[in-house]
Amino acid sequence: MEKRYLSGIQPSGDLHLGNYFGAIRQHIAAQENAFYFIANYHALTTVNDARLLREQTLQAAATYLALGLDPDRATLFLQSDVPEVTELTWLLATTTSKGLLDRAVSYKDKVAKGITPGVGLYLYPVLMAADILIYESDVVPVGSDQVQHVEMCRDMAASFNACYGEVFKLPAYEIGTPVPVPGTDGQKMSKSYGNTIPLFASRAELRQRVLGIVTDSLPLTAPKDPDRCTVFRLYRLVASEEQAAEMAEKYRAGGYGYGSAKAALLERIEETFDGPRKRYAALLARPEEVKKALRSGAARARRVAREVLERAREACGL
């Protein structure tokens, strides 16, 4: 039987190169029998503007469709259109230890950054586990920094199974991009760091973001190590092997400036995403087409979710 892939993406702002190369590209490549959801329940821990959340939710779905996801092959839906997931979250919470949640790295990181922790943020891993388990997922593609999320899900499923019998299958994870995509400041590209390059930015904004990539102060004439340069590391993602090798050779030879490298990067980004950008704009102009795909996906997702939730309820005595 074909493995079922499951992943969710938060509608918390413009999706960027890090989202694409870290997750979306792998999602599109493995879309047969896959379940992909827009995590608007999760987004409530950071987005408290109803209009903005609806807008960003539509944009996230349109992004997937513009980049090649076929709603007839993959199941694309809104997390909130499958209410069964919230009931399963509670059932899992009753057998999940507080100590496990205390160890969540993502929670500790957000608190360290000064975010006031709410109960929703603390219980975030339980909802995430419910998302994974309720669709009988076999594989969850994640970045190297998200492995703990799947490991915690496995722990929660194992605790529930130990209490009530073999209700849930334990999912595996698959690492998409071993090295995080760098942002304009060299750190991991993330909306929370404000260092992203949006997939469908206007030409003017894209140019501004690319030209703003932080580089060292080596003079134009000096040889440079391409692997230590954020511009080259991004260029390698959007260029062919031959193009990347040619630029690396120019770096090492000297006489090649960062301005030239940024211009080449800008050109490759524009060429790579020009077609999807046009499709994205067309989809936003026809929002009902996007919503129809989401409703169809939700109907398929709920059929699976109901069966799994009923199994869990019966095991608990409900």
C-alpha atoms as a PDB file:
ATOM      1  CA  MET A   1       0.000   0.000   0.000  1.00  0.00           C
ATOM      2  CA  GLU A   2       1.285   3.481  -0.885  1.00  0.00           C
ATOM      3  CA  LYS A   3       2.575   5.512   2.058  1.00  0.00           C
ATOM      4  CA  ARG A   4       0.514   8.488   3.143  1.00  0.00           C
ATOM      5  CA  TYR A   5       2.417  11.737   3.573  1.00  0.00           C
ATOM      6  CA  LEU A   6       1.050  14.416   5.908  1.00  0.00           C
ATOM      7  CA  SER A   7       2.171  17.966   6.483  1.00  0.00           C
ATOM      8  CA  GLY A   8       0.752  21.330   7.463  1.00  0.00           C
ATOM      9  CA  ILE A   9       1.864  24.879   6.859  1.00  0.00           C
ATOM     10  CA  GLN A  10       0.886  27.934   8.851  1.00  0.00           C
ATOM     11  CA  PRO A  11      -0.822  30.851   7.088  1.00  0.00           C
ATOM     12  CA  SER A  12       1.191  33.427   8.992  1.00  0.00           C
ATOM     13  CA  GLY A  13       2.544  35.658   6.232  1.00  0.00           C
ATOM     14  CA  ASP A  14       4.028  35.520   2.756  1.00  0.00           C
ATOM     15  CA  LEU A  15       5.507  32.103   2.029  1.00  0.00           C
ATOM     16  CA  HIS A  16       9.168  32.385   1.147  1.00  0.00           C
ATOM     17  CA  LEU A  17      12.143  30.549  -0.343  1.00  0.00           C
ATOM     18  CA  GLY A  18      12.740  28.788   2.967  1.00  0.00           C
ATOM     19  CA  ASN A  19       9.195  27.383   2.936  1.00  0.00           C
ATOM     20  CA  TYR A  20       9.569  26.270  -0.670  1.00  0.00           C
ATOM     21  CA  PHE A  21      12.963  24.568  -0.516  1.00  0.00           C
ATOM     22  CA  GLY A  22      12.470  23.376   3.053  1.00  0.00           C
ATOM     23  CA  ALA A  23       9.040  21.824   2.557  1.00  0.00           C
ATOM     24  CA  ILE A  24       6.727  22.806  -0.303  1.00  0.00           C
ATOM     25  CA  ARG A  25       8.946  21.450  -3.083  1.00  0.00           C
ATOM     26  CA  GLN A  26       9.044  18.046  -1.373  1.00  0.00           C
ATOM     27  CA  HIS A  27       5.293  18.183  -0.788  1.00  0.00           C
ATOM     28  CA  ILE A  28       4.613  18.774  -4.481  1.00  0.00           C
ATOM     29  CA  ALA A  29       6.966  15.950  -5.482  1.00  0.00           C
ATOM     30  CA  ALA A  30       5.228  13.482  -3.119  1.00  0.00           C
ATOM     31  CA  GLN A  31       1.611  14.497  -3.613  1.00  0.00           C
ATOM     32  CA  GLU A  32       0.075  11.150  -4.503  1.00  0.00           C
ATOM     33  CA  ASN A  33      -2.069   9.990  -1.548  1.00  0.00           C
ATOM     34  CA  ALA A  34      -0.774  12.946   0.490  1.00  0.00           C
ATOM     35  CA  PHE A  35      -2.708  15.076   2.982  1.00  0.00           C
ATOM     36  CA  TYR A  36      -1.606  18.724   3.198  1.00  0.00           C
ATOM     37  CA  PHE A  37      -3.455  21.199   5.363  1.00  0.00           C
ATOM     38  CA  ILE A  38      -3.363  24.932   6.010  1.00  0.00           C
ATOM     39  CA  ALA A  39      -2.814  25.090   9.778  1.00  0.00           C
ATOM     40  CA  ASN A  40      -5.155  27.945  10.675  1.00  0.00           C
ATOM     41  CA  TYR A  41      -5.859  26.561  14.174  1.00  0.00           C
ATOM     42  CA  HIS A  42      -2.122  26.665  14.876  1.00  0.00           C
ATOM     43  CA  ALA A  43      -1.897  30.179  13.453  1.00  0.00           C
ATOM     44  CA  LEU A  44      -4.203  31.457  16.218  1.00  0.00           C
ATOM     45  CA  THR A  45      -1.236  31.316  18.603  1.00  0.00           C
ATOM     46  CA  THR A  46       0.358  34.202  16.683  1.00  0.00           C
ATOM     47  CA  VAL A  47      -2.331  35.811  14.468  1.00  0.00           C
ATOM     48  CA  ASN A  48      -5.187  37.554  16.263  1.00  0.00           C
ATOM     49  CA  ASP A  49      -6.715  39.421  13.328  1.00  0.00           C
ATOM     50  CA  ALA A  50      -9.655  37.603  11.693  1.00  0.00           C
ATOM     51  CA  ARG A  51      -9.423  39.446   8.367  1.00  0.00           C
ATOM     52  CA  LEU A  52      -5.688  38.898   8.149  1.00  0.00           C
ATOM     53  CA  LEU A  53      -5.991  35.202   8.996  1.00  0.00           C
ATOM     54  CA  ARG A  54      -8.600  34.633   6.264  1.00  0.00           C
ATOM     55  CA  GLU A  55      -6.462  36.530   3.755  1.00  0.00           C
ATOM     56  CA  GLN A  56      -3.288  34.653   4.598  1.00  0.00           C
ATOM     57  CA  THR A  57      -5.120  31.314   4.596  1.00  0.00           C
ATOM     58  CA  LEU A  58      -6.319  31.907   1.037  1.00  0.00           C
ATOM     59  CA  GLN A  59      -2.828  33.016   0.002  1.00  0.00           C
ATOM     60  CA  ALA A  60      -1.212  29.877   1.452  1.00  0.00           C
ATOM     61  CA  ALA A  61      -3.636  27.596  -0.398  1.00  0.00           C
ATOM     62  CA  ALA A  62      -3.188  29.549  -3.644  1.00  0.00           C
ATOM     63  CA  THR A  63       0.585  29.241  -3.259  1.00  0.00           C
ATOM     64  CA  TYR A  64       0.416  25.441  -3.165  1.00  0.00           C
ATOM     65  CA  LEU A  65      -1.873  25.324  -6.175  1.00  0.00           C
ATOM     66  CA  ALA A  66       0.275  27.799  -8.125  1.00  0.00           C
ATOM     67  CA  LEU A  67       3.408  25.768  -7.437  1.00  0.00           C
ATOM     68  CA  GLY A  68       1.926  22.590  -8.872  1.00  0.00           C
ATOM     69  CA  LEU A  69      -0.193  20.825  -6.283  1.00  0.00           C
ATOM     70  CA  ASP A  70      -3.048  18.999  -8.014  1.00  0.00           C
ATOM     71  CA  PRO A  71      -6.134  18.802  -5.728  1.00  0.00           C
ATOM     72  CA  ASP A  72      -7.262  15.681  -7.600  1.00  0.00           C
ATOM     73  CA  ARG A  73      -4.058  13.867  -6.598  1.00  0.00           C
ATOM     74  CA  ALA A  74      -3.376  15.320  -3.142  1.00  0.00           C
ATOM     75  CA  THR A  75      -5.807  16.256  -0.389  1.00  0.00           C
ATOM     76  CA  LEU A  76      -5.479  19.984   0.343  1.00  0.00           C
ATOM     77  CA  PHE A  77      -7.709  21.372   3.080  1.00  0.00           C
ATOM     78  CA  LEU A  78      -8.111  23.761   5.984  1.00  0.00           C
ATOM     79  CA  GLN A  79      -7.254  22.384   9.413  1.00  0.00           C
ATOM     80  CA  SER A  80     -10.381  24.040  10.846  1.00  0.00           C
ATOM     81  CA  ASP A  81     -12.645  22.279   8.321  1.00  0.00           C
ATOM     82  CA  VAL A  82     -12.000  18.990  10.145  1.00  0.00           C
ATOM     83  CA  PRO A  83     -13.316  19.650  13.689  1.00  0.00           C
ATOM     84  CA  GLU A  84     -12.636  16.040  14.669  1.00  0.00           C
ATOM     85  CA  VAL A  85      -8.998  17.025  15.156  1.00  0.00           C
ATOM     86  CA  THR A  86      -9.843  19.210  18.170  1.00  0.00           C
ATOM     87  CA  GLU A  87     -11.671  16.382  19.937  1.00  0.00           C
ATOM     88  CA  LEU A  88      -8.754  14.057  19.331  1.00  0.00           C
ATOM     89  CA  THR A  89      -6.451  16.720  20.772  1.00  0.00           C
ATOM     90  CA  TRP A  90      -8.324  16.475  24.064  1.00  0.00           C
ATOM     91  CA  LEU A  91      -8.256  12.676  24.091  1.00  0.00           C
ATOM     92  CA  LEU A  92      -4.496  12.704  23.526  1.00  0.00           C
ATOM     93  CA  ALA A  93      -4.010  15.379  26.185  1.00  0.00           C
ATOM     94  CA  THR A  94      -5.506  13.082  28.820  1.00  0.00           C
ATOM     95  CA  THR A  95      -2.683  10.559  28.369  1.00  0.00           C
ATOM     96  CA  THR A  96       0.172  12.994  27.645  1.00  0.00           C
ATOM     97  CA  SER A  97       2.558  13.872  30.449  1.00  0.00           C
ATOM     98  CA  LYS A  98       3.259  17.497  31.340  1.00  0.00           C
ATOM     99  CA  GLY A  99       6.962  16.643  31.366  1.00  0.00           C
ATOM    100  CA  LEU A 100       6.853  15.800  27.655  1.00  0.00           C
ATOM    101  CA  LEU A 101       5.314  19.171  26.809  1.00  0.00           C
ATOM    102  CA  ASP A 102       7.798  20.968  29.046  1.00  0.00           C
ATOM    103  CA  ARG A 103      10.605  19.631  26.856  1.00  0.00           C
ATOM    104  CA  ALA A 104       9.206  21.087  23.606  1.00  0.00           C
ATOM    105  CA  VAL A 105      12.044  23.077  22.039  1.00  0.00           C
ATOM    106  CA  SER A 106       9.735  25.277  19.945  1.00  0.00           C
ATOM    107  CA  TYR A 107       7.846  26.368  23.078  1.00  0.00           C
ATOM    108  CA  LYS A 108      11.034  27.146  24.989  1.00  0.00           C
ATOM    109  CA  ASP A 109      12.464  29.057  22.018  1.00  0.00           C
ATOM    110  CA  LYS A 110       9.396  31.287  21.720  1.00  0.00           C
ATOM    111  CA  VAL A 111       9.384  32.014  25.448  1.00  0.00           C
ATOM    112  CA  ALA A 112      13.094  32.879  25.248  1.00  0.00           C
ATOM    113  CA  LYS A 113      12.275  35.389  22.498  1.00  0.00           C
ATOM    114  CA  GLY A 114       9.876  37.192  24.808  1.00  0.00           C
ATOM    115  CA  ILE A 115       6.581  35.785  23.524  1.00  0.00           C
ATOM    116  CA  THR A 116       4.003  35.622  26.306  1.00  0.00           C
ATOM    117  CA  PRO A 117       3.109  31.920  26.461  1.00  0.00           C
ATOM    118  CA  GLY A 118      -0.566  31.026  26.305  1.00  0.00           C
ATOM    119  CA  VAL A 119      -2.087  27.609  26.918  1.00  0.00           C
ATOM    120  CA  GLY A 120      -2.581  27.219  23.164  1.00  0.00           C
ATOM    121  CA  LEU A 121       1.139  27.623  22.560  1.00  0.00           C
ATOM    122  CA  TYR A 122       1.895  25.117  25.323  1.00  0.00           C
ATOM    123  CA  LEU A 123      -0.561  22.557  23.905  1.00  0.00           C
ATOM    124  CA  TYR A 124       0.608  23.167  20.342  1.00  0.00           C
ATOM    125  CA  PRO A 125       2.427  19.771  20.165  1.00  0.00           C
ATOM    126  CA  VAL A 126      -0.749  17.916  21.177  1.00  0.00           C
ATOM    127  CA  LEU A 127      -2.773  19.508  18.385  1.00  0.00           C
ATOM    128  CA  MET A 128       0.094  18.743  16.027  1.00  0.00           C
ATOM    129  CA  ALA A 129       0.062  15.102  17.115  1.00  0.00           C
ATOM    130  CA  ALA A 130      -3.691  14.951  16.536  1.00  0.00           C
ATOM    131  CA  ASP A 131      -3.165  16.389  13.042  1.00  0.00           C
ATOM    132  CA  ILE A 132      -0.747  13.597  12.240  1.00  0.00           C
ATOM    133  CA  LEU A 133      -2.558  10.675  13.865  1.00  0.00           C
ATOM    134  CA  ILE A 134      -6.109  11.406  12.756  1.00  0.00           C
ATOM    135  CA  TYR A 135      -5.229  10.851   9.066  1.00  0.00           C
ATOM    136  CA  GLU A 136      -3.297   7.627   9.709  1.00  0.00           C
ATOM    137  CA  SER A 137      -0.150   9.237   8.366  1.00  0.00           C
ATOM    138  CA  ASP A 138       2.826   7.061   7.544  1.00  0.00           C
ATOM    139  CA  VAL A 139       5.433   9.744   6.863  1.00  0.00           C
ATOM    140  CA  VAL A 140       5.743  13.363   7.985  1.00  0.00           C
ATOM    141  CA  PRO A 141       8.309  15.337   5.960  1.00  0.00           C
ATOM    142  CA  VAL A 142      10.057  17.866   8.219  1.00  0.00           C
ATOM    143  CA  GLY A 143      13.127  20.046   8.419  1.00  0.00           C
ATOM    144  CA  SER A 144      16.000  18.904  10.609  1.00  0.00           C
ATOM    145  CA  ASP A 145      14.885  21.355  13.328  1.00  0.00           C
ATOM    146  CA  GLN A 146      11.365  19.867  13.462  1.00  0.00           C
ATOM    147  CA  VAL A 147      12.175  16.229  14.145  1.00  0.00           C
ATOM    148  CA  GLN A 148      11.185  16.616  17.797  1.00  0.00           C
ATOM    149  CA  HIS A 149       7.590  17.365  16.759  1.00  0.00           C
ATOM    150  CA  VAL A 150       7.208  13.917  15.195  1.00  0.00           C
ATOM    151  CA  GLU A 151       9.056  12.223  18.045  1.00  0.00           C
ATOM    152  CA  MET A 152       6.641  13.818  20.527  1.00  0.00           C
ATOM    153  CA  CYS A 153       3.713  12.663  18.394  1.00  0.00           C
ATOM    154  CA  ARG A 154       5.050   9.103  18.532  1.00  0.00           C
ATOM    155  CA  ASP A 155       5.404   9.380  22.319  1.00  0.00           C
ATOM    156  CA  MET A 156       1.808  10.579  22.661  1.00  0.00           C
ATOM    157  CA  ALA A 157       0.484   7.829  20.403  1.00  0.00           C
ATOM    158  CA  ALA A 158       2.461   5.220  22.334  1.00  0.00           C
ATOM    159  CA  SER A 159       1.092   6.525  25.671  1.00  0.00           C
ATOM    160  CA  PHE A 160      -2.476   6.416  24.381  1.00  0.00           C
ATOM    161  CA  ASN A 161      -1.979   2.930  22.942  1.00  0.00           C
ATOM    162  CA  ALA A 162      -0.458   1.700  26.217  1.00  0.00           C
ATOM    163  CA  CYS A 163      -3.558   2.893  28.043  1.00  0.00           C
ATOM    164  CA  TYR A 164      -6.299   1.906  25.584  1.00  0.00           C
ATOM    165  CA  GLY A 165      -4.870  -0.615  23.132  1.00  0.00           C
ATOM    166  CA  GLU A 166      -3.423  -0.296  19.629  1.00  0.00           C
ATOM    167  CA  VAL A 167      -5.480   2.604  18.311  1.00  0.00           C
ATOM    168  CA  PHE A 168      -2.857   4.647  16.453  1.00  0.00           C
ATOM    169  CA  LYS A 169      -0.076   3.782  14.064  1.00  0.00           C
ATOM    170  CA  LEU A 170       3.243   5.435  14.856  1.00  0.00           C
ATOM    171  CA  PRO A 171       4.383   7.754  12.054  1.00  0.00           C
ATOM    172  CA  ALA A 172       7.914   8.152  10.764  1.00  0.00           C
ATOM    173  CA  TYR A 173       9.604  11.368   9.730  1.00  0.00           C
ATOM    174  CA  GLU A 174      11.516  12.188   6.595  1.00  0.00           C
ATOM    175  CA  ILE A 175      13.992  15.054   6.541  1.00  0.00           C
ATOM    176  CA  GLY A 176      13.478  17.278   3.517  1.00  0.00           C
ATOM    177  CA  THR A 177      16.335  19.793   3.595  1.00  0.00           C
ATOM    178  CA  PRO A 178      19.136  18.734   5.993  1.00  0.00           C
ATOM    179  CA  VAL A 179      20.565  22.292   6.079  1.00  0.00           C
ATOM    180  CA  PRO A 180      18.082  25.131   6.718  1.00  0.00           C
ATOM    181  CA  VAL A 181      17.678  27.664   3.912  1.00  0.00           C
ATOM    182  CA  PRO A 182      19.586  30.826   4.894  1.00  0.00           C
ATOM    183  CA  GLY A 183      17.829  34.160   5.196  1.00  0.00           C
ATOM    184  CA  THR A 184      19.121  37.536   4.080  1.00  0.00           C
ATOM    185  CA  ASP A 185      21.100  37.840   7.338  1.00  0.00           C
ATOM    186  CA  GLY A 186      22.633  34.360   7.133  1.00  0.00           C
ATOM    187  CA  GLN A 187      20.424  32.862   9.853  1.00  0.00           C
ATOM    188  CA  LYS A 188      17.703  30.328   9.050  1.00  0.00           C
ATOM    189  CA  MET A 189      15.119  32.011   6.810  1.00  0.00           C
ATOM    190  CA  SER A 190      12.095  32.678   8.994  1.00  0.00           C
ATOM    191  CA  LYS A 191       9.268  35.207   9.159  1.00  0.00           C
ATOM    192  CA  SER A 192       9.983  35.618  12.864  1.00  0.00           C
ATOM    193  CA  TYR A 193      13.493  36.856  12.014  1.00  0.00           C
ATOM    194  CA  GLY A 194      12.320  39.230   9.288  1.00  0.00           C
ATOM    195  CA  ASN A 195      14.960  37.867   6.899  1.00  0.00           C
ATOM    196  CA  THR A 196      12.841  36.231   4.208  1.00  0.00           C
ATOM    197  CA  ILE A 197      12.661  36.419   0.427  1.00  0.00           C
ATOM    198  CA  PRO A 198       8.956  35.985  -0.466  1.00  0.00           C
ATOM    199  CA  LEU A 199       8.158  33.629  -3.323  1.00  0.00           C
ATOM    200  CA  PHE A 200       5.828  36.011  -5.097  1.00  0.00           C
ATOM    201  CA  ALA A 201       7.199  39.418  -4.153  1.00  0.00           C
ATOM    202  CA  SER A 202       7.013  42.238  -6.679  1.00  0.00           C
ATOM    203  CA  ARG A 203      10.144  42.847  -8.725  1.00  0.00           C
ATOM    204  CA  ALA A 204      10.932  45.965  -6.696  1.00  0.00           C
ATOM    205  CA  GLU A 205      10.564  44.167  -3.349  1.00  0.00           C
ATOM    206  CA  LEU A 206      12.469  41.129  -4.568  1.00  0.00           C
ATOM    207  CA  ARG A 207      15.324  43.328  -5.745  1.00  0.00           C
ATOM    208  CA  GLN A 208      15.395  45.117  -2.396  1.00  0.00           C
ATOM    209  CA  ARG A 209      15.505  41.831  -0.450  1.00  0.00           C
ATOM    210  CA  VAL A 210      18.248  40.307  -2.608  1.00  0.00           C
ATOM    211  CA  LEU A 211      20.421  43.416  -2.612  1.00  0.00           C
ATOM    212  CA  GLY A 212      20.039  43.542   1.168  1.00  0.00           C
ATOM    213  CA  ILE A 213      21.640  40.120   1.718  1.00  0.00           C
ATOM    214  CA  VAL A 214      24.440  40.503   4.250  1.00  0.00           C
ATOM    215  CA  THR A 215      27.967  39.733   2.967  1.00  0.00           C
ATOM    216  CA  ASP A 216      31.475  40.158   4.341  1.00  0.00           C
ATOM    217  CA  SER A 217      33.768  43.094   3.520  1.00  0.00           C
ATOM    218  CA  LEU A 218      36.265  41.328   1.248  1.00  0.00           C
ATOM    219  CA  PRO A 219      37.271  43.502  -1.718  1.00  0.00           C
ATOM    220  CA  LEU A 220      36.149  42.635  -5.247  1.00  0.00           C
ATOM    221  CA  THR A 221      39.632  41.409  -6.220  1.00  0.00           C
ATOM    222  CA  ALA A 222      39.955  38.939  -3.317  1.00  0.00           C
ATOM    223  CA  PRO A 223      39.219  35.209  -3.767  1.00  0.00           C
ATOM    224  CA  LYS A 224      36.141  34.142  -1.802  1.00  0.00           C
ATOM    225  CA  ASP A 225      34.809  30.917  -0.316  1.00  0.00           C
ATOM    226  CA  PRO A 226      31.390  30.331  -1.946  1.00  0.00           C
ATOM    227  CA  ASP A 227      30.226  27.957   0.775  1.00  0.00           C
ATOM    228  CA  ARG A 228      30.565  30.690   3.387  1.00  0.00           C
ATOM    229  CA  CYS A 229      28.502  33.188   1.396  1.00  0.00           C
ATOM    230  CA  THR A 230      24.733  33.470   1.844  1.00  0.00           C
ATOM    231  CA  VAL A 231      24.303  34.756  -1.717  1.00  0.00           C
ATOM    232  CA  PHE A 232      25.927  31.660  -3.196  1.00  0.00           C
ATOM    233  CA  ARG A 233      24.098  29.275  -0.859  1.00  0.00           C
ATOM    234  CA  LEU A 234      20.796  30.728  -2.087  1.00  0.00           C
ATOM    235  CA  TYR A 235      21.934  30.777  -5.706  1.00  0.00           C
ATOM    236  CA  ARG A 236      22.751  27.080  -5.531  1.00  0.00           C
ATOM    237  CA  LEU A 237      19.105  26.356  -4.687  1.00  0.00           C
ATOM    238  CA  VAL A 238      17.677  28.041  -7.795  1.00  0.00           C
ATOM    239  CA  ALA A 239      20.514  27.403 -10.279  1.00  0.00           C
ATOM    240  CA  SER A 240      21.511  24.319 -12.262  1.00  0.00           C
ATOM    241  CA  GLU A 241      24.592  22.375 -11.188  1.00  0.00           C
ATOM    242  CA  GLU A 242      26.521  23.897 -14.080  1.00  0.00           C
ATOM    243  CA  GLN A 243      25.485  27.437 -13.173  1.00  0.00           C
ATOM    244  CA  ALA A 244      26.381  26.900  -9.515  1.00  0.00           C
ATOM    245  CA  ALA A 245      29.780  25.429 -10.422  1.00  0.00           C
ATOM    246  CA  GLU A 246      30.492  28.383 -12.701  1.00  0.00           C
ATOM    247  CA  MET A 247      29.700  30.907  -9.986  1.00  0.00           C
ATOM    248  CA  ALA A 248      31.753  28.985  -7.406  1.00  0.00           C
ATOM    249  CA  GLU A 249      34.732  29.111  -9.758  1.00  0.00           C
ATOM    250  CA  LYS A 250      34.339  32.886 -10.114  1.00  0.00           C
ATOM    251  CA  TYR A 251      34.264  33.271  -6.326  1.00  0.00           C
ATOM    252  CA  ARG A 252      37.478  31.312  -5.869  1.00  0.00           C
ATOM    253  CA  ALA A 253      39.308  33.057  -8.718  1.00  0.00           C
ATOM    254  CA  GLY A 254      38.766  36.570  -7.341  1.00  0.00           C
ATOM    255  CA  GLY A 255      37.685  39.627  -9.295  1.00  0.00           C
ATOM    256  CA  TYR A 256      34.024  38.724  -8.801  1.00  0.00           C
ATOM    257  CA  GLY A 257      31.976  40.968  -6.559  1.00  0.00           C
ATOM    258  CA  TYR A 258      28.939  40.322  -4.422  1.00  0.00           C
ATOM    259  CA  GLY A 259      26.945  42.787  -6.518  1.00  0.00           C
ATOM    260  CA  SER A 260      27.368  40.558  -9.575  1.00  0.00           C
ATOM    261  CA  ALA A 261      26.446  37.474  -7.542  1.00  0.00           C
ATOM    262  CA  LYS A 262      23.295  39.163  -6.236  1.00  0.00           C
ATOM    263  CA  ALA A 263      22.289  40.187  -9.761  1.00  0.00           C
ATOM    264  CA  ALA A 264      22.660  36.572 -10.917  1.00  0.00           C
ATOM    265  CA  LEU A 265      20.638  35.349  -7.924  1.00  0.00           C
ATOM    266  CA  LEU A 266      17.869  37.865  -8.625  1.00  0.00           C
ATOM    267  CA  GLU A 267      17.660  36.738 -12.245  1.00  0.00           C
ATOM    268  CA  ARG A 268      17.427  33.058 -11.330  1.00  0.00           C
ATOM    269  CA  ILE A 269      14.734  33.646  -8.697  1.00  0.00           C
ATOM    270  CA  GLU A 270      12.658  35.620 -11.187  1.00  0.00           C
ATOM    271  CA  GLU A 271      13.026  32.963 -13.881  1.00  0.00           C
ATOM    272  CA  THR A 272      12.259  30.085 -11.497  1.00  0.00           C
ATOM    273  CA  PHE A 273       9.091  31.575 -10.038  1.00  0.00           C
ATOM    274  CA  ASP A 274       7.761  33.694 -12.914  1.00  0.00           C
ATOM    275  CA  GLY A 275       5.231  31.053 -14.046  1.00  0.00           C
ATOM    276  CA  PRO A 276       3.995  30.216 -10.528  1.00  0.00           C
ATOM    277  CA  ARG A 277       3.789  33.951  -9.718  1.00  0.00           C
ATOM    278  CA  LYS A 278       1.412  34.507 -12.638  1.00  0.00           C
ATOM    279  CA  ARG A 279      -0.696  31.471 -11.665  1.00  0.00           C
ATOM    280  CA  TYR A 280      -0.796  32.714  -8.065  1.00  0.00           C
ATOM    281  CA  ALA A 281      -2.120  36.116  -9.130  1.00  0.00           C
ATOM    282  CA  ALA A 282      -4.752  34.447 -11.323  1.00  0.00           C
ATOM    283  CA  LEU A 283      -5.908  32.230  -8.440  1.00  0.00           C
ATOM    284  CA  LEU A 284      -6.233  35.154  -6.038  1.00  0.00           C
ATOM    285  CA  ALA A 285      -8.401  36.834  -8.656  1.00  0.00           C
ATOM    286  CA  ARG A 286     -10.656  33.734  -8.564  1.00  0.00           C
ATOM    287  CA  PRO A 287     -10.844  32.917  -4.824  1.00  0.00           C
ATOM    288  CA  GLU A 288     -13.874  30.658  -5.230  1.00  0.00           C
ATOM    289  CA  GLU A 289     -11.709  28.253  -7.263  1.00  0.00           C
ATOM    290  CA  VAL A 290      -9.283  27.975  -4.359  1.00  0.00           C
ATOM    291  CA  LYS A 291     -12.088  27.564  -1.819  1.00  0.00           C
ATOM    292  CA  LYS A 292     -13.687  24.831  -3.929  1.00  0.00           C
ATOM    293  CA  ALA A 293     -10.432  22.841  -3.894  1.00  0.00           C
ATOM    294  CA  LEU A 294     -10.207  23.268  -0.112  1.00  0.00           C
ATOM    295  CA  ARG A 295     -13.810  22.140   0.451  1.00  0.00           C
ATOM    296  CA  SER A 296     -13.280  19.054  -1.686  1.00  0.00           C
ATOM    297  CA  GLY A 297     -10.113  18.208   0.228  1.00  0.00           C
ATOM    298  CA  ALA A 298     -11.841  18.697   3.582  1.00  0.00           C
ATOM    299  CA  ALA A 299     -14.603  16.274   2.617  1.00  0.00           C
ATOM    300  CA  ARG A 300     -12.023  13.574   1.852  1.00  0.00           C
ATOM    301  CA  ALA A 301     -10.029  14.339   5.001  1.00  0.00           C
ATOM    302  CA  ARG A 302     -13.101  14.165   7.244  1.00  0.00           C
ATOM    303  CA  ARG A 303     -14.003  10.685   6.011  1.00  0.00           C
ATOM    304  CA  VAL A 304     -10.670   9.402   7.306  1.00  0.00           C
ATOM    305  CA  ALA A 305     -10.749  11.535  10.458  1.00  0.00           C
ATOM    306  CA  ARG A 306     -14.199  10.322  11.518  1.00  0.00           C
ATOM    307  CA  GLU A 307     -13.126   6.696  11.361  1.00  0.00           C
ATOM    308  CA  VAL A 308      -9.986   7.283  13.406  1.00  0.00           C
ATOM    309  CA  LEU A 309     -11.747   9.453  15.984  1.00  0.00           C
ATOM    310  CA  GLU A 310     -14.552   6.911  16.409  1.00  0.00           C
ATOM    311  CA  ARG A 311     -11.938   4.218  17.040  1.00  0.00           C
ATOM    312  CA  ALA A 312     -10.277   6.395  19.680  1.00  0.00           C
ATOM    313  CA  ARG A 313     -13.631   7.289  21.325  1.00  0.00           C
ATOM    314  CA  GLU A 314     -14.667   3.661  21.527  1.00  0.00           C
ATOM    315  CA  ALA A 315     -11.320   2.687  23.040  1.00  0.00           C
ATOM    316  CA  CYS A 316     -11.798   5.370  25.735  1.00  0.00           C
ATOM    317  CA  GLY A 317     -15.360   4.259  26.510  1.00  0.00           C
ATOM    318  CA  LEU A 318     -17.085   7.284  24.996  1.00  0.00           C
END
